[in-house]
Amino acid sequence: MIHFMVPGDPVPKGRPRFTRSGRAYTPKRTADYERKVRQCFKGSGAEPFPEGTPLRMVIDINLA
């Protein structure tokens, strides 16, 4: 079992945006928060899971 904390307010996943040429991209706010979660996971000392590994995730959100 792995436990780690992401400080700050949670950020909902933003819908993909599209350029004028039709290329999809992830909104900056979403990409920044995903990067923060990834850094907190890596900072916990946990090893990445092999691709295709089934996971069960429990997320507790505490808003003060």
PDB file of N, CA and C in Angstrom:
ATOM      1  N   MET A   1       0.842  -1.163   0.000  1.00  0.00           N
ATOM      2  CA  MET A   1       0.000   0.000   0.000  1.00  0.00           C
ATOM      3  C   MET A   1       0.899   1.242   0.000  1.00  0.00           C
ATOM      4  N   ILE A   2       0.510   2.231  -0.742  1.00  0.00           N
ATOM      5  CA  ILE A   2       1.268   3.471  -0.861  1.00  0.00           C
ATOM      6  C   ILE A   2       0.387   4.622  -0.395  1.00  0.00           C
ATOM      7  N   HIS A   3       0.951   5.477   0.443  1.00  0.00           N
ATOM      8  CA  HIS A   3       0.251   6.678   0.890  1.00  0.00           C
ATOM      9  C   HIS A   3       1.106   7.880   0.528  1.00  0.00           C
ATOM     10  N   PHE A   4       0.472   8.911  -0.033  1.00  0.00           N
ATOM     11  CA  PHE A   4       1.172  10.169  -0.232  1.00  0.00           C
ATOM     12  C   PHE A   4       0.151  11.292  -0.237  1.00  0.00           C
ATOM     13  N   MET A   5       0.608  12.494   0.034  1.00  0.00           N
ATOM     14  CA  MET A   5      -0.273  13.649   0.154  1.00  0.00           C
ATOM     15  C   MET A   5       0.102  14.689  -0.885  1.00  0.00           C
ATOM     16  N   VAL A   6      -0.911  15.319  -1.466  1.00  0.00           N
ATOM     17  CA  VAL A   6      -0.698  16.407  -2.413  1.00  0.00           C
ATOM     18  C   VAL A   6      -1.216  17.670  -1.732  1.00  0.00           C
ATOM     19  N   PRO A   7      -0.334  18.564  -1.288  1.00  0.00           N
ATOM     20  CA  PRO A   7      -0.794  19.760  -0.590  1.00  0.00           C
ATOM     21  C   PRO A   7      -1.522  20.725  -1.523  1.00  0.00           C
ATOM     22  N   GLY A   8      -2.404  21.518  -0.948  1.00  0.00           N
ATOM     23  CA  GLY A   8      -3.137  22.512  -1.722  1.00  0.00           C
ATOM     24  C   GLY A   8      -4.516  22.028  -2.097  1.00  0.00           C
ATOM     25  N   ASP A   9      -5.248  22.867  -2.795  1.00  0.00           N
ATOM     26  CA  ASP A   9      -6.603  22.537  -3.230  1.00  0.00           C
ATOM     27  C   ASP A   9      -6.566  21.589  -4.424  1.00  0.00           C
ATOM     28  N   PRO A  10      -7.487  20.616  -4.459  1.00  0.00           N
ATOM     29  CA  PRO A  10      -7.545  19.718  -5.617  1.00  0.00           C
ATOM     30  C   PRO A  10      -7.993  20.480  -6.868  1.00  0.00           C
ATOM     31  N   VAL A  11      -7.520  20.034  -8.008  1.00  0.00           N
ATOM     32  CA  VAL A  11      -7.872  20.662  -9.295  1.00  0.00           C
ATOM     33  C   VAL A  11      -8.566  19.621 -10.152  1.00  0.00           C
ATOM     34  N   PRO A  12      -9.800  19.902 -10.584  1.00  0.00           N
ATOM     35  CA  PRO A  12     -10.496  18.921 -11.430  1.00  0.00           C
ATOM     36  C   PRO A  12      -9.836  18.799 -12.799  1.00  0.00           C
ATOM     37  N   LYS A  13      -9.989  17.635 -13.393  1.00  0.00           N
ATOM     38  CA  LYS A  13      -9.430  17.380 -14.725  1.00  0.00           C
ATOM     39  C   LYS A  13     -10.167  18.252 -15.742  1.00  0.00           C
ATOM     40  N   GLY A  14      -9.422  19.083 -16.451  1.00  0.00           N
ATOM     41  CA  GLY A  14     -10.015  19.957 -17.459  1.00  0.00           C
ATOM     42  C   GLY A  14     -10.268  19.219 -18.764  1.00  0.00           C
ATOM     43  N   ARG A  15     -11.263  19.672 -19.488  1.00  0.00           N
ATOM     44  CA  ARG A  15     -11.549  19.080 -20.795  1.00  0.00           C
ATOM     45  C   ARG A  15     -10.440  19.438 -21.770  1.00  0.00           C
ATOM     46  N   PRO A  16     -10.168  18.555 -22.730  1.00  0.00           N
ATOM     47  CA  PRO A  16      -9.132  18.892 -23.708  1.00  0.00           C
ATOM     48  C   PRO A  16      -9.524  20.146 -24.502  1.00  0.00           C
ATOM     49  N   ARG A  17      -8.546  20.904 -24.848  1.00  0.00           N
ATOM     50  CA  ARG A  17      -8.742  22.098 -25.677  1.00  0.00           C
ATOM     51  C   ARG A  17      -8.178  21.803 -27.061  1.00  0.00           C
ATOM     52  N   PHE A  18      -8.595  22.597 -28.028  1.00  0.00           N
ATOM     53  CA  PHE A  18      -8.168  22.368 -29.406  1.00  0.00           C
ATOM     54  C   PHE A  18      -7.612  23.641 -30.009  1.00  0.00           C
ATOM     55  N   THR A  19      -6.533  23.481 -30.786  1.00  0.00           N
ATOM     56  CA  THR A  19      -5.956  24.615 -31.503  1.00  0.00           C
ATOM     57  C   THR A  19      -6.808  24.877 -32.739  1.00  0.00           C
ATOM     58  N   ARG A  20      -6.517  25.951 -33.422  1.00  0.00           N
ATOM     59  CA  ARG A  20      -7.261  26.270 -34.651  1.00  0.00           C
ATOM     60  C   ARG A  20      -7.082  25.197 -35.719  1.00  0.00           C
ATOM     61  N   SER A  21      -5.922  24.514 -35.662  1.00  0.00           N
ATOM     62  CA  SER A  21      -5.673  23.463 -36.650  1.00  0.00           C
ATOM     63  C   SER A  21      -6.304  22.124 -36.243  1.00  0.00           C
ATOM     64  N   GLY A  22      -6.953  22.091 -35.040  1.00  0.00           N
ATOM     65  CA  GLY A  22      -7.653  20.881 -34.621  1.00  0.00           C
ATOM     66  C   GLY A  22      -6.860  19.963 -33.701  1.00  0.00           C
ATOM     67  N   ARG A  23      -5.658  20.363 -33.334  1.00  0.00           N
ATOM     68  CA  ARG A  23      -4.837  19.534 -32.441  1.00  0.00           C
ATOM     69  C   ARG A  23      -5.301  19.702 -30.992  1.00  0.00           C
ATOM     70  N   ALA A  24      -5.471  18.583 -30.290  1.00  0.00           N
ATOM     71  CA  ALA A  24      -5.921  18.615 -28.900  1.00  0.00           C
ATOM     72  C   ALA A  24      -4.744  18.803 -27.950  1.00  0.00           C
ATOM     73  N   TYR A  25      -4.989  19.519 -26.847  1.00  0.00           N
ATOM     74  CA  TYR A  25      -3.963  19.660 -25.808  1.00  0.00           C
ATOM     75  C   TYR A  25      -4.640  19.758 -24.452  1.00  0.00           C
ATOM     76  N   THR A  26      -3.878  19.460 -23.397  1.00  0.00           N
ATOM     77  CA  THR A  26      -4.379  19.517 -22.029  1.00  0.00           C
ATOM     78  C   THR A  26      -4.219  20.941 -21.508  1.00  0.00           C
ATOM     79  N   PRO A  27      -5.259  21.492 -20.868  1.00  0.00           N
ATOM     80  CA  PRO A  27      -5.148  22.849 -20.319  1.00  0.00           C
ATOM     81  C   PRO A  27      -3.982  22.946 -19.321  1.00  0.00           C
ATOM     82  N   LYS A  28      -3.339  24.108 -19.258  1.00  0.00           N
ATOM     83  CA  LYS A  28      -2.162  24.319 -18.412  1.00  0.00           C
ATOM     84  C   LYS A  28      -2.446  24.006 -16.947  1.00  0.00           C
ATOM     85  N   ARG A  29      -3.568  24.443 -16.430  1.00  0.00           N
ATOM     86  CA  ARG A  29      -3.891  24.216 -15.021  1.00  0.00           C
ATOM     87  C   ARG A  29      -3.944  22.720 -14.709  1.00  0.00           C
ATOM     88  N   THR A  30      -4.558  21.945 -15.590  1.00  0.00           N
ATOM     89  CA  THR A  30      -4.632  20.494 -15.415  1.00  0.00           C
ATOM     90  C   THR A  30      -3.243  19.873 -15.504  1.00  0.00           C
ATOM     91  N   ALA A  31      -2.475  20.257 -16.510  1.00  0.00           N
ATOM     92  CA  ALA A  31      -1.128  19.699 -16.699  1.00  0.00           C
ATOM     93  C   ALA A  31      -0.239  20.014 -15.499  1.00  0.00           C
ATOM     94  N   ASP A  32      -0.345  21.233 -14.961  1.00  0.00           N
ATOM     95  CA  ASP A  32       0.458  21.620 -13.796  1.00  0.00           C
ATOM     96  C   ASP A  32       0.095  20.761 -12.587  1.00  0.00           C
ATOM     97  N   TYR A  33      -1.196  20.524 -12.361  1.00  0.00           N
ATOM     98  CA  TYR A  33      -1.609  19.731 -11.208  1.00  0.00           C
ATOM     99  C   TYR A  33      -1.219  18.262 -11.384  1.00  0.00           C
ATOM    100  N   GLU A  34      -1.350  17.733 -12.582  1.00  0.00           N
ATOM    101  CA  GLU A  34      -0.922  16.349 -12.841  1.00  0.00           C
ATOM    102  C   GLU A  34       0.572  16.198 -12.552  1.00  0.00           C
ATOM    103  N   ARG A  35       1.356  17.199 -12.923  1.00  0.00           N
ATOM    104  CA  ARG A  35       2.792  17.196 -12.654  1.00  0.00           C
ATOM    105  C   ARG A  35       3.048  17.209 -11.143  1.00  0.00           C
ATOM    106  N   LYS A  36       2.268  18.011 -10.421  1.00  0.00           N
ATOM    107  CA  LYS A  36       2.414  18.094  -8.958  1.00  0.00           C
ATOM    108  C   LYS A  36       2.099  16.749  -8.299  1.00  0.00           C
ATOM    109  N   VAL A  37       1.026  16.081  -8.746  1.00  0.00           N
ATOM    110  CA  VAL A  37       0.663  14.763  -8.198  1.00  0.00           C
ATOM    111  C   VAL A  37       1.778  13.766  -8.474  1.00  0.00           C
ATOM    112  N   ARG A  38       2.314  13.787  -9.684  1.00  0.00           N
ATOM    113  CA  ARG A  38       3.401  12.875 -10.068  1.00  0.00           C
ATOM    114  C   ARG A  38       4.630  13.117  -9.183  1.00  0.00           C
ATOM    115  N   GLN A  39       4.965  14.391  -8.924  1.00  0.00           N
ATOM    116  CA  GLN A  39       6.112  14.709  -8.075  1.00  0.00           C
ATOM    117  C   GLN A  39       5.887  14.227  -6.642  1.00  0.00           C
ATOM    118  N   CYS A  40       4.668  14.381  -6.120  1.00  0.00           N
ATOM    119  CA  CYS A  40       4.366  13.930  -4.757  1.00  0.00           C
ATOM    120  C   CYS A  40       4.450  12.403  -4.672  1.00  0.00           C
ATOM    121  N   PHE A  41       3.989  11.709  -5.702  1.00  0.00           N
ATOM    122  CA  PHE A  41       4.095  10.254  -5.735  1.00  0.00           C
ATOM    123  C   PHE A  41       5.560   9.828  -5.712  1.00  0.00           C
ATOM    124  N   LYS A  42       6.361  10.437  -6.579  1.00  0.00           N
ATOM    125  CA  LYS A  42       7.783  10.089  -6.644  1.00  0.00           C
ATOM    126  C   LYS A  42       8.490  10.437  -5.337  1.00  0.00           C
ATOM    127  N   GLY A  43       8.080  11.543  -4.699  1.00  0.00           N
ATOM    128  CA  GLY A  43       8.666  11.962  -3.435  1.00  0.00           C
ATOM    129  C   GLY A  43       8.345  11.020  -2.284  1.00  0.00           C
ATOM    130  N   SER A  44       7.324  10.190  -2.453  1.00  0.00           N
ATOM    131  CA  SER A  44       6.944   9.245  -1.395  1.00  0.00           C
ATOM    132  C   SER A  44       7.895   8.056  -1.353  1.00  0.00           C
ATOM    133  N   GLY A  45       8.756   7.934  -2.369  1.00  0.00           N
ATOM    134  CA  GLY A  45       9.691   6.817  -2.427  1.00  0.00           C
ATOM    135  C   GLY A  45       9.098   5.581  -3.079  1.00  0.00           C
ATOM    136  N   ALA A  46       7.864   5.665  -3.535  1.00  0.00           N
ATOM    137  CA  ALA A  46       7.207   4.520  -4.175  1.00  0.00           C
ATOM    138  C   ALA A  46       7.778   4.298  -5.571  1.00  0.00           C
ATOM    139  N   GLU A  47       7.803   3.066  -5.975  1.00  0.00           N
ATOM    140  CA  GLU A  47       8.255   2.704  -7.321  1.00  0.00           C
ATOM    141  C   GLU A  47       7.065   2.727  -8.279  1.00  0.00           C
ATOM    142  N   PRO A  48       7.260   3.157  -9.517  1.00  0.00           N
ATOM    143  CA  PRO A  48       6.172   3.109 -10.499  1.00  0.00           C
ATOM    144  C   PRO A  48       5.709   1.674 -10.730  1.00  0.00           C
ATOM    145  N   PHE A  49       4.445   1.527 -11.054  1.00  0.00           N
ATOM    146  CA  PHE A  49       3.878   0.213 -11.339  1.00  0.00           C
ATOM    147  C   PHE A  49       4.133  -0.143 -12.798  1.00  0.00           C
ATOM    148  N   PRO A  50       4.359  -1.429 -13.086  1.00  0.00           N
ATOM    149  CA  PRO A  50       4.492  -1.833 -14.486  1.00  0.00           C
ATOM    150  C   PRO A  50       3.202  -1.514 -15.247  1.00  0.00           C
ATOM    151  N   GLU A  51       3.341  -1.121 -16.491  1.00  0.00           N
ATOM    152  CA  GLU A  51       2.174  -0.805 -17.299  1.00  0.00           C
ATOM    153  C   GLU A  51       1.244  -2.010 -17.370  1.00  0.00           C
ATOM    154  N   GLY A  52      -0.051  -1.760 -17.256  1.00  0.00           N
ATOM    155  CA  GLY A  52      -1.048  -2.823 -17.310  1.00  0.00           C
ATOM    156  C   GLY A  52      -1.372  -3.411 -15.954  1.00  0.00           C
ATOM    157  N   THR A  53      -0.713  -2.930 -14.888  1.00  0.00           N
ATOM    158  CA  THR A  53      -0.990  -3.431 -13.547  1.00  0.00           C
ATOM    159  C   THR A  53      -2.334  -2.892 -13.063  1.00  0.00           C
ATOM    160  N   PRO A  54      -3.263  -3.768 -12.673  1.00  0.00           N
ATOM    161  CA  PRO A  54      -4.533  -3.271 -12.142  1.00  0.00           C
ATOM    162  C   PRO A  54      -4.315  -2.619 -10.774  1.00  0.00           C
ATOM    163  N   LEU A  55      -4.967  -1.500 -10.548  1.00  0.00           N
ATOM    164  CA  LEU A  55      -4.808  -0.764  -9.299  1.00  0.00           C
ATOM    165  C   LEU A  55      -6.164  -0.485  -8.668  1.00  0.00           C
ATOM    166  N   ARG A  56      -6.160  -0.378  -7.354  1.00  0.00           N
ATOM    167  CA  ARG A  56      -7.337   0.092  -6.622  1.00  0.00           C
ATOM    168  C   ARG A  56      -6.882   1.353  -5.909  1.00  0.00           C
ATOM    169  N   MET A  57      -7.636   2.435  -6.090  1.00  0.00           N
ATOM    170  CA  MET A  57      -7.213   3.704  -5.545  1.00  0.00           C
ATOM    171  C   MET A  57      -8.305   4.263  -4.640  1.00  0.00           C
ATOM    172  N   VAL A  58      -7.903   4.747  -3.473  1.00  0.00           N
ATOM    173  CA  VAL A  58      -8.809   5.424  -2.561  1.00  0.00           C
ATOM    174  C   VAL A  58      -8.277   6.829  -2.390  1.00  0.00           C
ATOM    175  N   ILE A  59      -9.121   7.810  -2.632  1.00  0.00           N
ATOM    176  CA  ILE A  59      -8.700   9.210  -2.551  1.00  0.00           C
ATOM    177  C   ILE A  59      -9.514   9.890  -1.454  1.00  0.00           C
ATOM    178  N   ASP A  60      -8.826  10.448  -0.483  1.00  0.00           N
ATOM    179  CA  ASP A  60      -9.458  11.239   0.567  1.00  0.00           C
ATOM    180  C   ASP A  60      -9.129  12.696   0.328  1.00  0.00           C
ATOM    181  N   ILE A  61     -10.142  13.536   0.250  1.00  0.00           N
ATOM    182  CA  ILE A  61      -9.942  14.960   0.038  1.00  0.00           C
ATOM    183  C   ILE A  61     -10.454  15.675   1.279  1.00  0.00           C
ATOM    184  N   ASN A  62      -9.566  16.431   1.906  1.00  0.00           N
ATOM    185  CA  ASN A  62      -9.919  17.207   3.101  1.00  0.00           C
ATOM    186  C   ASN A  62      -9.846  18.676   2.769  1.00  0.00           C
ATOM    187  N   LEU A  63     -10.993  19.320   2.720  1.00  0.00           N
ATOM    188  CA  LEU A  63     -11.028  20.748   2.454  1.00  0.00           C
ATOM    189  C   LEU A  63     -11.212  21.479   3.772  1.00  0.00           C
ATOM    190  N   ALA A  64     -10.341  22.406   4.032  1.00  0.00           N
ATOM    191  CA  ALA A  64     -10.413  23.148   5.298  1.00  0.00           C
ATOM    192  C   ALA A  64     -11.177  24.427   5.118  1.00  0.00           C
TER     193      ALA A  64
END
